[in-house]
Amino acid sequence: MNLANIKTPGVYINEVNGFGNSVVPVATAVPAFIGYTPQASYEGKSYANVPQQITSFAQFQAIYCYPTAVAPAVTPKQYNPEYYLVKEKSEPEKGDYMQIEGEFYSIVPDPNTIYYLYNSIKLFYENGGADAYIVSIGTYGEPSKNPMTAGDQIVNPNVSLDALMKGIGLLKNEEEPTMYICPEATLLSVADNGTLMEEMLLQNSEMGTAISIFDIIGGRNPDPILYTNDIETFRDNTGAVGLKYGVAYYPFVGTTIMQPQDIDFTNLFGGDLKQLEPLINPADAPNKSVAAILGNIDNLTVAQANSALTNASKTYGLMIKHILADLNMMPPSAGMAGVITATDNAVGPWKSPANTSMVGVSSLPIRLNSSQQADLNVDAISGKSINAIRFFNGLGILIWGARTLDGNSLDWRYISVRRTMTFLEQSCKLAAHAYVFEANDVNTWKGVIAMISSFLGGIWNDGGLQGASAAQAFDVQCGLGSTMTPEDILNGFMRVTVKVAIVHPAEFIVLTFEQEMAKS
């Protein structure tokens, strides 16, 4: 109350704030997924190239998936890849294959029909996902109607570097996302994938609000010996900027996301039954049941025909099994986003998202041992650490790494350290907005110190900072002569210095044993 404004005798009430401003913690686990969706519209409004927040898989379905059709119409498949069986002269050395009537057939997709985002969102929510942003950069492109070469890496010409770069750029106006994920980045060429990763890291370093989680080209079907070439290629293509904001996981993971009912004969040979029939009803060993089903297929629903073919032909059932295994081999980035979300909700960003399993993961394309992981975890030249996903007898498949790409940095080596600092920085930054244009004097300085100290004290109590006391865990300073000069005040600068003791993970636990002589 301004006493100068009181001119009439009476009693006046002057309320004084008893409590200062407080720091409201920002959300720590909000991934932004950039990629291709079945559609991108809801109630007549387009959501293409629009960062849109969702809170559940049901909401993702409502905006980005084909709506459920009214019977007798059939709802289109949300993801409809096409696979081919290509006859080989001998047993293939690379890629998946099966043997039919003594002949070898490679099982390969039409690369133009392979996408990862839809199933990645499923994997994210299966692992504890919550709030997320979706940037749909387009819908599925046209199939080529041709199989890829067996053993090659999948490169989908419909996946555009420019479109992905545009989608990443749209996030410059969104400060809430804390993770950037492009599941379909590994469907680009190696060069384009490198360009995208460098752009993501550059944007991360400029904004300081999010990390990028990368998948590695070659992690889908790694060579048991030459897989290290894929690792070196990845390291050579991530540049040198913003490495502390980058995280990579290897290899891909075999999931249970897609089920047998998700694949049928329409996914084989582009739906051409003339190419399928000779394999399940060969002329030299005819299958009357299969012939009857195919002859009457127009009178059956796809589900009915698929079930009948599965029961009538063991070969057909094996085809579906092989294709499912191939489709369920997915990049791990979305699953890791779910694990990070669950870990943050249970403990906080200072807990490393490691030594835990990923829900829905049942196999790995390569089982790394400790000596193989050593070269991934520590790279003396580049420092670009790769986090391994490994199988352990009796324990199953575990996430066995907790490093950023800046593995040679003592400050930013660990994911939990980087993410905790981002959490503290952004929380304090938003809270400090309340003091913009306030008087740059001792009263304001004390208010800022009290506000940030109270916030950090709470984080210390929760186990996010280390130290036997709050004084050992953090220190906040703001004032003339300590953090500011008279010139700073004249120029309108209020400088606050915050020092925190971040909890570091115990990555290497060394147990020392020594023999001792028996004592009477």
Protein backbone atom coordinates (compact mmCIF):
# COMPACT_ATOMS: atom_id res chain seq x y z
CA MET A 1 0.00 0.00 0.00
CA ASN A 2 1.27 3.47 -0.91
CA LEU A 3 0.74 5.61 2.21
CA ALA A 4 0.85 8.76 0.10
CA ASN A 5 -2.49 7.76 -1.40
CA ILE A 6 -4.28 7.74 2.00
CA LYS A 7 -6.19 11.01 2.45
CA THR A 8 -9.29 9.99 4.41
CA PRO A 9 -9.21 9.14 8.15
CA GLY A 10 -9.92 5.50 8.86
CA VAL A 11 -8.43 2.05 9.29
CA TYR A 12 -6.63 0.46 6.32
CA ILE A 13 -5.40 -3.08 5.75
CA ASN A 14 -2.01 -3.65 4.22
CA GLU A 15 -1.34 -7.29 3.23
CA VAL A 16 2.31 -8.32 3.06
CA ASN A 17 3.48 -11.46 1.29
CA GLY A 18 4.87 -13.85 3.85
CA PHE A 19 6.36 -16.23 1.33
CA GLY A 20 8.59 -15.57 -1.63
CA ASN A 21 8.27 -16.96 -5.12
CA SER A 22 8.91 -20.64 -5.64
CA VAL A 23 10.48 -22.73 -8.39
CA VAL A 24 8.02 -25.06 -10.09
CA PRO A 25 9.90 -28.12 -11.43
CA VAL A 26 9.58 -28.53 -15.18
CA ALA A 27 8.62 -31.85 -16.75
CA THR A 28 11.68 -33.99 -17.37
CA ALA A 29 10.48 -36.79 -19.66
CA VAL A 30 8.53 -35.44 -22.63
CA PRO A 31 9.73 -37.00 -25.89
CA ALA A 32 9.02 -35.50 -29.28
CA PHE A 33 8.61 -38.10 -32.04
CA ILE A 34 9.21 -36.97 -35.60
CA GLY A 35 8.18 -39.26 -38.44
CA TYR A 36 5.47 -40.68 -40.68
CA THR A 37 1.94 -41.55 -39.55
CA PRO A 38 -1.03 -43.27 -41.25
CA GLN A 39 -2.82 -39.92 -41.34
CA ALA A 40 -2.72 -36.58 -39.48
CA SER A 41 -6.16 -35.06 -39.04
CA TYR A 42 -8.92 -34.86 -36.45
CA GLU A 43 -12.42 -33.42 -36.79
CA GLY A 44 -11.52 -31.83 -40.10
CA LYS A 45 -8.33 -30.18 -38.85
CA SER A 46 -4.93 -31.11 -40.26
CA TYR A 47 -2.14 -31.94 -37.84
CA ALA A 48 0.54 -32.42 -40.50
CA ASN A 49 3.79 -30.63 -39.63
CA VAL A 50 2.33 -29.42 -36.34
CA PRO A 51 3.96 -30.31 -33.00
CA GLN A 52 1.01 -31.77 -31.14
CA GLN A 53 1.01 -32.93 -27.53
CA ILE A 54 -0.64 -36.24 -26.70
CA THR A 55 -1.13 -37.95 -23.37
CA SER A 56 -1.99 -41.51 -24.39
CA PHE A 57 -1.87 -44.00 -27.23
CA ALA A 58 -5.63 -43.58 -27.62
CA GLN A 59 -5.09 -39.91 -28.36
CA PHE A 60 -2.38 -40.81 -30.88
CA GLN A 61 -4.85 -43.17 -32.56
CA ALA A 62 -7.56 -40.51 -32.69
CA ILE A 63 -5.37 -37.98 -34.51
CA TYR A 64 -2.83 -39.99 -36.45
CA CYS A 65 -4.46 -43.34 -37.25
CA TYR A 66 -7.16 -44.40 -39.69
CA PRO A 67 -10.58 -44.20 -38.03
CA THR A 68 -12.51 -47.38 -37.36
CA ALA A 69 -14.76 -48.11 -40.30
CA VAL A 70 -18.45 -48.96 -39.95
CA ALA A 71 -19.29 -52.54 -41.03
CA PRO A 72 -19.31 -53.94 -43.62
CA ALA A 73 -16.44 -51.63 -44.52
CA VAL A 74 -12.99 -52.72 -43.32
CA THR A 75 -10.66 -50.43 -41.39
CA PRO A 76 -7.35 -50.06 -43.26
CA LYS A 77 -4.28 -51.42 -41.54
CA GLN A 78 -2.44 -48.74 -39.61
CA TYR A 79 0.84 -50.21 -40.85
CA ASN A 80 0.87 -52.30 -44.00
CA PRO A 81 4.40 -53.46 -45.02
CA GLU A 82 4.91 -55.68 -48.04
CA TYR A 83 7.25 -58.69 -48.14
CA TYR A 84 8.56 -60.96 -50.86
CA LEU A 85 10.12 -64.40 -50.97
CA VAL A 86 12.99 -64.34 -53.43
CA LYS A 87 14.36 -67.65 -54.69
CA GLU A 88 18.12 -68.07 -54.20
CA LYS A 89 20.58 -70.35 -55.96
CA SER A 90 22.12 -71.43 -52.65
CA GLU A 91 21.75 -70.88 -48.92
CA PRO A 92 21.90 -67.09 -48.30
CA GLU A 93 24.80 -65.78 -46.23
CA LYS A 94 22.93 -62.66 -45.10
CA GLY A 95 19.40 -61.84 -44.11
CA ASP A 96 16.47 -64.01 -43.13
CA TYR A 97 15.43 -66.93 -45.29
CA MET A 98 13.43 -70.15 -45.29
CA GLN A 99 13.52 -73.44 -47.19
CA ILE A 100 10.54 -74.58 -49.28
CA GLU A 101 10.55 -77.87 -51.20
CA GLY A 102 14.35 -78.01 -51.00
CA GLU A 103 14.80 -74.46 -52.34
CA PHE A 104 16.07 -71.44 -50.42
CA TYR A 105 14.05 -68.24 -50.36
CA SER A 106 15.21 -64.93 -48.90
CA ILE A 107 12.49 -63.05 -47.02
CA VAL A 108 12.86 -59.38 -47.87
CA PRO A 109 10.59 -56.32 -47.74
CA ASP A 110 9.68 -53.73 -50.27
CA PRO A 111 11.78 -50.98 -48.62
CA ASN A 112 9.26 -48.31 -49.62
CA THR A 113 6.75 -49.84 -47.21
CA ILE A 114 8.89 -50.02 -44.06
CA TYR A 115 8.23 -47.42 -41.34
CA TYR A 116 8.87 -47.40 -37.59
CA LEU A 117 6.93 -44.57 -35.93
CA TYR A 118 3.57 -46.29 -35.40
CA ASN A 119 5.05 -49.32 -33.64
CA SER A 120 7.56 -47.08 -31.81
CA ILE A 121 4.72 -45.16 -30.18
CA LYS A 122 3.29 -48.50 -29.05
CA LEU A 123 6.67 -49.48 -27.59
CA PHE A 124 6.96 -46.11 -25.84
CA TYR A 125 3.63 -46.49 -24.06
CA GLU A 126 4.26 -50.14 -23.27
CA ASN A 127 7.36 -49.04 -21.35
CA GLY A 128 5.70 -46.40 -19.21
CA GLY A 129 5.31 -43.50 -21.62
CA ALA A 130 3.09 -40.54 -20.74
CA ASP A 131 3.02 -37.06 -22.27
CA ALA A 132 4.66 -36.79 -25.68
CA TYR A 133 4.75 -34.60 -28.76
CA ILE A 134 4.12 -35.91 -32.26
CA VAL A 135 5.36 -34.17 -35.40
CA SER A 136 3.81 -35.95 -38.38
CA ILE A 137 5.90 -35.04 -41.43
CA GLY A 138 3.75 -37.00 -43.85
CA THR A 139 1.82 -40.17 -44.54
CA TYR A 140 3.06 -43.43 -46.04
CA GLY A 141 4.38 -43.33 -49.59
CA GLU A 142 3.59 -45.63 -52.47
CA PRO A 143 5.16 -49.13 -52.52
CA SER A 144 7.71 -49.89 -55.22
CA LYS A 145 6.31 -53.42 -55.75
CA ASN A 146 9.88 -54.71 -55.77
CA PRO A 147 11.87 -56.47 -53.05
CA MET A 148 15.16 -55.12 -51.78
CA THR A 149 18.39 -57.07 -52.10
CA ALA A 150 18.76 -59.64 -49.34
CA GLY A 151 21.23 -58.62 -46.64
CA ASP A 152 21.24 -54.90 -47.52
CA GLN A 153 20.33 -52.17 -45.07
CA ILE A 154 16.80 -50.87 -45.57
CA VAL A 155 16.70 -47.47 -47.23
CA ASN A 156 13.19 -46.16 -47.78
CA PRO A 157 13.10 -43.56 -50.59
CA ASN A 158 9.82 -42.28 -49.16
CA VAL A 159 11.61 -41.16 -45.98
CA SER A 160 12.82 -37.64 -46.72
CA LEU A 161 15.75 -35.92 -45.03
CA ASP A 162 14.26 -32.51 -45.81
CA ALA A 163 10.95 -33.47 -44.22
CA LEU A 164 12.65 -34.77 -41.08
CA MET A 165 14.81 -31.63 -40.86
CA LYS A 166 11.70 -29.47 -41.17
CA GLY A 167 10.02 -31.47 -38.42
CA ILE A 168 13.01 -30.99 -36.12
CA GLY A 169 12.99 -27.26 -36.88
CA LEU A 170 9.35 -26.98 -35.81
CA LEU A 171 10.43 -27.93 -32.28
CA LYS A 172 12.46 -24.72 -31.94
CA ASN A 173 9.29 -23.06 -30.69
CA GLU A 174 8.56 -25.84 -28.20
CA GLU A 175 10.53 -25.81 -24.97
CA GLU A 176 8.63 -28.58 -23.18
CA PRO A 177 10.02 -31.61 -25.10
CA THR A 178 13.10 -33.02 -23.39
CA MET A 179 13.92 -35.79 -25.89
CA TYR A 180 14.05 -35.79 -29.69
CA ILE A 181 13.43 -39.13 -31.40
CA CYS A 182 13.31 -39.94 -35.13
CA PRO A 183 12.63 -43.71 -35.33
CA GLU A 184 12.77 -43.65 -39.14
CA ALA A 185 16.15 -41.91 -39.32
CA THR A 186 17.85 -45.29 -39.85
CA LEU A 187 15.81 -45.69 -43.05
CA LEU A 188 17.83 -42.84 -44.57
CA SER A 189 21.12 -43.27 -46.35
CA VAL A 190 24.20 -43.15 -44.12
CA ALA A 191 25.08 -39.65 -45.33
CA ASP A 192 21.56 -38.27 -44.84
CA ASN A 193 21.33 -39.91 -41.42
CA GLY A 194 24.55 -38.18 -40.40
CA THR A 195 23.25 -34.80 -41.59
CA LEU A 196 20.07 -35.26 -39.57
CA MET A 197 21.92 -36.26 -36.39
CA GLU A 198 24.23 -33.25 -36.63
CA GLU A 199 21.24 -30.95 -37.07
CA MET A 200 19.49 -32.47 -34.06
CA LEU A 201 22.56 -32.07 -31.84
CA LEU A 202 23.07 -28.49 -33.03
CA GLN A 203 19.48 -27.60 -32.16
CA ASN A 204 19.80 -29.36 -28.79
CA SER A 205 22.93 -27.36 -27.92
CA GLU A 206 21.34 -24.06 -29.01
CA MET A 207 18.12 -24.61 -27.04
CA GLY A 208 19.58 -26.45 -24.04
CA THR A 209 16.24 -28.10 -23.27
CA ALA A 210 16.42 -31.61 -24.78
CA ILE A 211 18.65 -34.53 -25.64
CA SER A 212 18.47 -36.63 -28.82
CA ILE A 213 18.22 -40.41 -28.63
CA PHE A 214 19.80 -42.08 -31.65
CA ASP A 215 19.52 -45.50 -33.22
CA ILE A 216 22.41 -46.92 -35.24
CA ILE A 217 22.21 -47.99 -38.86
CA GLY A 218 23.26 -51.63 -38.98
CA GLY A 219 21.79 -52.43 -35.58
CA ARG A 220 18.87 -54.24 -37.21
CA ASN A 221 20.86 -57.10 -38.73
CA PRO A 222 24.45 -56.74 -37.50
CA ASP A 223 27.26 -58.88 -38.81
CA PRO A 224 28.63 -60.86 -35.84
CA ILE A 225 32.19 -59.83 -36.73
CA LEU A 226 32.00 -56.69 -38.88
CA TYR A 227 29.37 -54.90 -36.78
CA THR A 228 32.15 -52.61 -35.53
CA ASN A 229 32.17 -50.99 -38.98
CA ASP A 230 28.64 -49.78 -38.34
CA ILE A 231 29.72 -48.34 -35.01
CA GLU A 232 32.62 -46.47 -36.59
CA THR A 233 30.38 -45.17 -39.35
CA PHE A 234 27.97 -43.85 -36.74
CA ARG A 235 30.76 -42.15 -34.81
CA ASP A 236 32.14 -40.60 -37.99
CA ASN A 237 28.75 -39.14 -38.87
CA THR A 238 27.67 -37.45 -35.64
CA GLY A 239 30.04 -34.49 -35.89
CA ALA A 240 31.61 -32.71 -32.92
CA VAL A 241 28.93 -30.24 -31.82
CA GLY A 242 26.48 -30.86 -28.98
CA LEU A 243 27.73 -34.34 -28.12
CA LYS A 244 26.70 -33.92 -24.49
CA TYR A 245 23.11 -33.79 -25.71
CA GLY A 246 23.32 -37.04 -27.68
CA VAL A 247 22.60 -40.59 -26.53
CA ALA A 248 22.88 -43.76 -28.65
CA TYR A 249 21.72 -47.34 -28.07
CA TYR A 250 22.79 -50.55 -29.83
CA PRO A 251 21.57 -52.91 -31.24
CA PHE A 252 17.93 -52.99 -32.37
CA VAL A 253 15.56 -55.00 -30.17
CA GLY A 254 13.28 -57.91 -31.06
CA THR A 255 9.86 -57.01 -29.72
CA THR A 256 6.38 -58.49 -29.45
CA ILE A 257 4.65 -55.34 -30.64
CA MET A 258 3.23 -56.89 -33.81
CA GLN A 259 1.12 -60.03 -33.43
CA PRO A 260 0.12 -62.74 -35.96
CA GLN A 261 -3.24 -61.09 -36.61
CA ASP A 262 -1.41 -57.97 -37.84
CA ILE A 263 0.02 -59.80 -40.87
CA ASP A 264 -1.80 -61.79 -43.56
CA PHE A 265 -1.56 -62.83 -47.21
CA THR A 266 -2.17 -59.24 -48.38
CA ASN A 267 1.29 -58.40 -47.01
CA LEU A 268 2.91 -61.02 -49.25
CA PHE A 269 3.96 -60.18 -52.80
CA GLY A 270 1.99 -56.97 -52.66
CA GLY A 271 -1.19 -59.01 -52.27
CA ASP A 272 -0.60 -60.92 -55.52
CA LEU A 273 -1.96 -64.42 -54.88
CA LYS A 274 -0.52 -65.65 -58.19
CA GLN A 275 2.98 -65.32 -56.72
CA LEU A 276 1.97 -66.82 -53.37
CA GLU A 277 0.06 -69.87 -54.61
CA PRO A 278 3.02 -71.81 -56.16
CA LEU A 279 4.76 -71.73 -52.77
CA ILE A 280 1.88 -72.98 -50.63
CA ASN A 281 0.20 -75.13 -53.29
CA PRO A 282 3.09 -76.41 -55.44
CA ALA A 283 2.28 -78.31 -58.64
CA ASP A 284 4.42 -81.30 -57.65
CA ALA A 285 2.83 -81.55 -54.18
CA PRO A 286 -0.63 -79.97 -54.40
CA ASN A 287 -2.48 -78.94 -51.25
CA LYS A 288 -6.21 -79.37 -51.88
CA SER A 289 -7.19 -77.39 -48.79
CA VAL A 290 -5.12 -74.41 -49.88
CA ALA A 291 -6.51 -74.63 -53.39
CA ALA A 292 -10.05 -74.61 -52.04
CA ILE A 293 -9.37 -71.59 -49.83
CA LEU A 294 -7.76 -69.63 -52.65
CA GLY A 295 -10.59 -70.55 -54.99
CA ASN A 296 -13.17 -69.22 -52.53
CA ILE A 297 -11.14 -66.32 -51.16
CA ASP A 298 -13.47 -63.63 -52.57
CA ASN A 299 -16.24 -64.93 -50.33
CA LEU A 300 -14.11 -64.78 -47.17
CA THR A 301 -12.96 -61.89 -45.05
CA VAL A 302 -9.21 -61.34 -44.92
CA ALA A 303 -9.15 -62.59 -41.33
CA GLN A 304 -11.09 -65.73 -42.22
CA ALA A 305 -8.90 -66.51 -45.23
CA ASN A 306 -5.73 -65.87 -43.25
CA SER A 307 -6.82 -68.19 -40.44
CA ALA A 308 -7.79 -70.88 -42.93
CA LEU A 309 -4.47 -70.65 -44.79
CA THR A 310 -2.53 -70.81 -41.52
CA ASN A 311 -4.32 -74.06 -40.58
CA ALA A 312 -4.08 -75.56 -44.08
CA SER A 313 -0.43 -74.78 -44.86
CA LYS A 314 2.56 -75.12 -42.55
CA THR A 315 4.64 -73.24 -45.11
CA TYR A 316 2.26 -70.28 -45.01
CA GLY A 317 2.39 -70.21 -41.22
CA LEU A 318 6.20 -70.18 -41.32
CA MET A 319 6.15 -67.29 -43.79
CA ILE A 320 4.02 -65.22 -41.43
CA LYS A 321 6.28 -66.16 -38.49
CA HIS A 322 9.42 -65.05 -40.33
CA ILE A 323 7.86 -61.78 -41.45
CA LEU A 324 6.64 -61.03 -37.92
CA ALA A 325 10.13 -61.60 -36.52
CA ASP A 326 11.55 -59.22 -39.10
CA LEU A 327 8.94 -56.53 -38.48
CA ASN A 328 9.32 -56.81 -34.72
CA MET A 329 13.03 -55.99 -34.94
CA MET A 330 12.77 -52.32 -34.02
CA PRO A 331 15.02 -49.36 -33.17
CA PRO A 332 15.27 -49.06 -29.37
CA SER A 333 14.99 -45.26 -29.07
CA ALA A 334 11.23 -45.13 -28.40
CA GLY A 335 11.43 -47.91 -25.84
CA MET A 336 14.23 -46.03 -24.11
CA ALA A 337 12.06 -42.91 -24.00
CA GLY A 338 9.46 -44.98 -22.16
CA VAL A 339 12.07 -46.37 -19.76
CA ILE A 340 13.37 -42.85 -19.06
CA THR A 341 9.82 -41.64 -18.40
CA ALA A 342 9.13 -44.49 -15.98
CA THR A 343 12.46 -43.94 -14.21
CA ASP A 344 11.84 -40.20 -13.85
CA ASN A 345 8.36 -40.77 -12.46
CA ALA A 346 9.62 -43.34 -9.95
CA VAL A 347 12.80 -41.56 -8.82
CA GLY A 348 13.91 -38.56 -10.88
CA PRO A 349 16.20 -37.62 -13.78
CA TRP A 350 19.22 -38.20 -11.55
CA LYS A 351 18.55 -41.95 -11.70
CA SER A 352 20.33 -43.56 -14.65
CA PRO A 353 17.97 -45.36 -17.06
CA ALA A 354 20.08 -48.51 -16.95
CA ASN A 355 20.33 -51.96 -15.35
CA THR A 356 16.66 -52.43 -16.14
CA SER A 357 14.73 -54.26 -18.80
CA MET A 358 12.61 -52.96 -21.65
CA VAL A 359 9.03 -54.25 -21.65
CA GLY A 360 7.99 -56.06 -24.80
CA VAL A 361 11.55 -56.99 -25.81
CA SER A 362 12.18 -60.70 -26.25
CA SER A 363 15.33 -61.02 -28.36
CA LEU A 364 18.42 -59.28 -29.74
CA PRO A 365 19.99 -59.59 -33.19
CA ILE A 366 23.44 -59.85 -31.59
CA ARG A 367 24.52 -60.80 -28.07
CA LEU A 368 27.43 -58.61 -27.04
CA ASN A 369 29.83 -59.74 -24.34
CA SER A 370 31.81 -57.57 -21.92
CA SER A 371 34.89 -57.27 -24.11
CA GLN A 372 32.77 -56.29 -27.12
CA GLN A 373 30.91 -53.70 -25.10
CA ALA A 374 34.17 -52.20 -23.86
CA ASP A 375 34.87 -50.68 -27.27
CA LEU A 376 31.34 -49.33 -27.45
CA ASN A 377 31.30 -47.85 -23.95
CA VAL A 378 34.72 -46.20 -24.06
CA ASP A 379 36.28 -44.78 -27.20
CA ALA A 380 39.58 -43.05 -26.51
CA ILE A 381 39.66 -41.21 -29.83
CA SER A 382 36.18 -39.75 -30.27
CA GLY A 383 34.77 -40.33 -26.80
CA LYS A 384 31.44 -41.19 -28.43
CA SER A 385 30.06 -43.81 -26.10
CA ILE A 386 27.41 -46.26 -27.32
CA ASN A 387 25.06 -47.76 -24.75
CA ALA A 388 24.68 -51.50 -25.18
CA ILE A 389 21.53 -53.53 -24.73
CA ARG A 390 22.68 -56.96 -23.63
CA PHE A 391 21.46 -60.40 -22.68
CA PHE A 392 22.51 -61.88 -19.32
CA ASN A 393 21.90 -65.47 -18.28
CA GLY A 394 19.29 -65.61 -15.56
CA LEU A 395 18.50 -61.89 -15.89
CA GLY A 396 17.32 -61.51 -19.45
CA ILE A 397 17.80 -58.47 -21.66
CA LEU A 398 19.05 -55.38 -19.83
CA ILE A 399 19.98 -51.82 -20.76
CA TRP A 400 23.66 -51.88 -19.91
CA GLY A 401 24.95 -48.36 -20.48
CA ALA A 402 24.28 -44.85 -19.19
CA ARG A 403 26.55 -42.53 -21.17
CA THR A 404 26.14 -39.62 -23.55
CA LEU A 405 28.12 -39.24 -26.76
CA ASP A 406 30.48 -36.96 -24.82
CA GLY A 407 32.14 -39.91 -23.10
CA ASN A 408 35.53 -38.22 -22.66
CA SER A 409 34.05 -35.34 -20.65
CA LEU A 410 34.14 -35.60 -16.88
CA ASP A 411 31.29 -33.06 -16.72
CA TRP A 412 28.86 -34.52 -19.26
CA ARG A 413 29.77 -38.20 -19.54
CA TYR A 414 26.56 -39.53 -18.00
CA ILE A 415 22.96 -39.25 -19.19
CA SER A 416 21.64 -38.68 -15.68
CA VAL A 417 24.04 -35.77 -15.08
CA ARG A 418 23.13 -34.08 -18.35
CA ARG A 419 19.39 -34.50 -17.82
CA THR A 420 19.52 -33.41 -14.16
CA MET A 421 21.38 -30.23 -15.07
CA THR A 422 18.88 -29.49 -17.83
CA PHE A 423 16.06 -30.02 -15.33
CA LEU A 424 17.62 -27.67 -12.77
CA GLU A 425 18.55 -25.03 -15.34
CA GLN A 426 15.14 -24.87 -17.00
CA SER A 427 13.24 -24.92 -13.70
CA CYS A 428 15.28 -22.03 -12.30
CA LYS A 429 15.14 -20.15 -15.61
CA LEU A 430 11.34 -20.19 -15.71
CA ALA A 431 11.07 -19.20 -12.05
CA ALA A 432 13.46 -16.29 -12.55
CA HIS A 433 11.05 -14.73 -15.06
CA ALA A 434 9.14 -13.34 -12.07
CA TYR A 435 12.09 -11.04 -11.31
CA VAL A 436 12.53 -9.54 -14.77
CA PHE A 437 12.22 -5.72 -14.47
CA GLU A 438 12.30 -5.90 -10.67
CA ALA A 439 14.65 -3.54 -8.85
CA ASN A 440 18.20 -4.84 -9.14
CA ASP A 441 18.92 -4.41 -5.43
CA VAL A 442 19.68 -6.43 -2.35
CA ASN A 443 16.03 -7.26 -1.63
CA THR A 444 15.60 -8.84 -5.06
CA TRP A 445 18.90 -10.68 -4.73
CA LYS A 446 17.86 -12.17 -1.40
CA GLY A 447 14.54 -13.24 -2.88
CA VAL A 448 16.23 -15.01 -5.80
CA ILE A 449 18.73 -16.75 -3.51
CA ALA A 450 15.95 -17.92 -1.17
CA MET A 451 13.81 -19.15 -4.05
CA ILE A 452 16.53 -21.19 -5.75
CA SER A 453 17.97 -22.46 -2.45
CA SER A 454 14.56 -23.72 -1.36
CA PHE A 455 14.13 -25.55 -4.67
CA LEU A 456 17.59 -27.13 -4.54
CA GLY A 457 17.04 -28.11 -0.93
CA GLY A 458 14.02 -30.12 -2.01
CA ILE A 459 16.00 -31.81 -4.77
CA TRP A 460 18.74 -32.68 -2.26
CA ASN A 461 16.18 -34.19 0.10
CA ASP A 462 14.87 -36.30 -2.78
CA GLY A 463 18.37 -37.64 -3.46
CA GLY A 464 19.08 -35.61 -6.59
CA LEU A 465 22.15 -33.89 -5.15
CA GLN A 466 24.95 -35.41 -3.13
CA GLY A 467 26.37 -34.13 0.12
CA ALA A 468 25.99 -34.76 3.85
CA SER A 469 24.29 -31.40 4.22
CA ALA A 470 22.51 -28.89 2.01
CA ALA A 471 25.57 -26.64 2.20
CA GLN A 472 27.66 -29.41 0.68
CA ALA A 473 25.06 -30.14 -2.00
CA PHE A 474 24.63 -26.65 -3.47
CA ASP A 475 25.57 -23.01 -3.19
CA VAL A 476 23.62 -20.02 -4.54
CA GLN A 477 25.13 -16.57 -4.74
CA CYS A 478 23.79 -13.27 -6.08
CA GLY A 479 24.97 -9.80 -5.15
CA LEU A 480 27.20 -6.84 -5.77
CA GLY A 481 30.82 -7.78 -5.25
CA SER A 482 30.16 -11.52 -5.41
CA THR A 483 28.49 -12.13 -8.76
CA MET A 484 28.02 -8.61 -10.13
CA THR A 485 29.98 -5.43 -10.69
CA PRO A 486 28.57 -1.89 -10.64
CA GLU A 487 28.73 -1.95 -14.45
CA ASP A 488 26.54 -5.08 -14.51
CA ILE A 489 23.88 -3.27 -12.50
CA LEU A 490 24.03 -0.20 -14.74
CA ASN A 491 23.65 -2.46 -17.78
CA GLY A 492 20.64 -4.23 -16.28
CA PHE A 493 22.31 -7.56 -15.54
CA MET A 494 21.52 -9.59 -12.45
CA ARG A 495 23.94 -12.51 -12.27
CA VAL A 496 23.19 -15.56 -10.17
CA THR A 497 25.82 -18.24 -9.59
CA VAL A 498 24.55 -21.71 -8.74
CA LYS A 499 26.87 -24.59 -7.88
CA VAL A 500 25.44 -28.08 -7.48
CA ALA A 501 26.91 -31.47 -6.61
CA ILE A 502 25.17 -33.78 -9.07
CA VAL A 503 24.87 -37.46 -8.24
CA HIS A 504 27.04 -39.58 -10.58
CA PRO A 505 26.22 -43.23 -11.28
CA ALA A 506 28.46 -46.00 -9.94
CA GLU A 507 29.38 -47.31 -13.38
CA PHE A 508 32.37 -49.40 -12.29
CA ILE A 509 32.09 -51.19 -8.96
CA VAL A 510 35.40 -52.64 -7.80
CA LEU A 511 35.40 -55.22 -5.02
CA THR A 512 38.78 -55.70 -3.36
CA PHE A 513 39.44 -59.02 -1.64
CA GLU A 514 42.49 -59.90 0.43
CA GLN A 515 43.32 -63.18 2.13
CA GLU A 516 43.96 -63.14 5.84
CA MET A 517 45.63 -65.77 7.98
CA ALA A 518 43.48 -67.68 10.42
CA LYS A 519 43.50 -66.33 13.97
CA SER A 520 42.98 -68.29 17.16
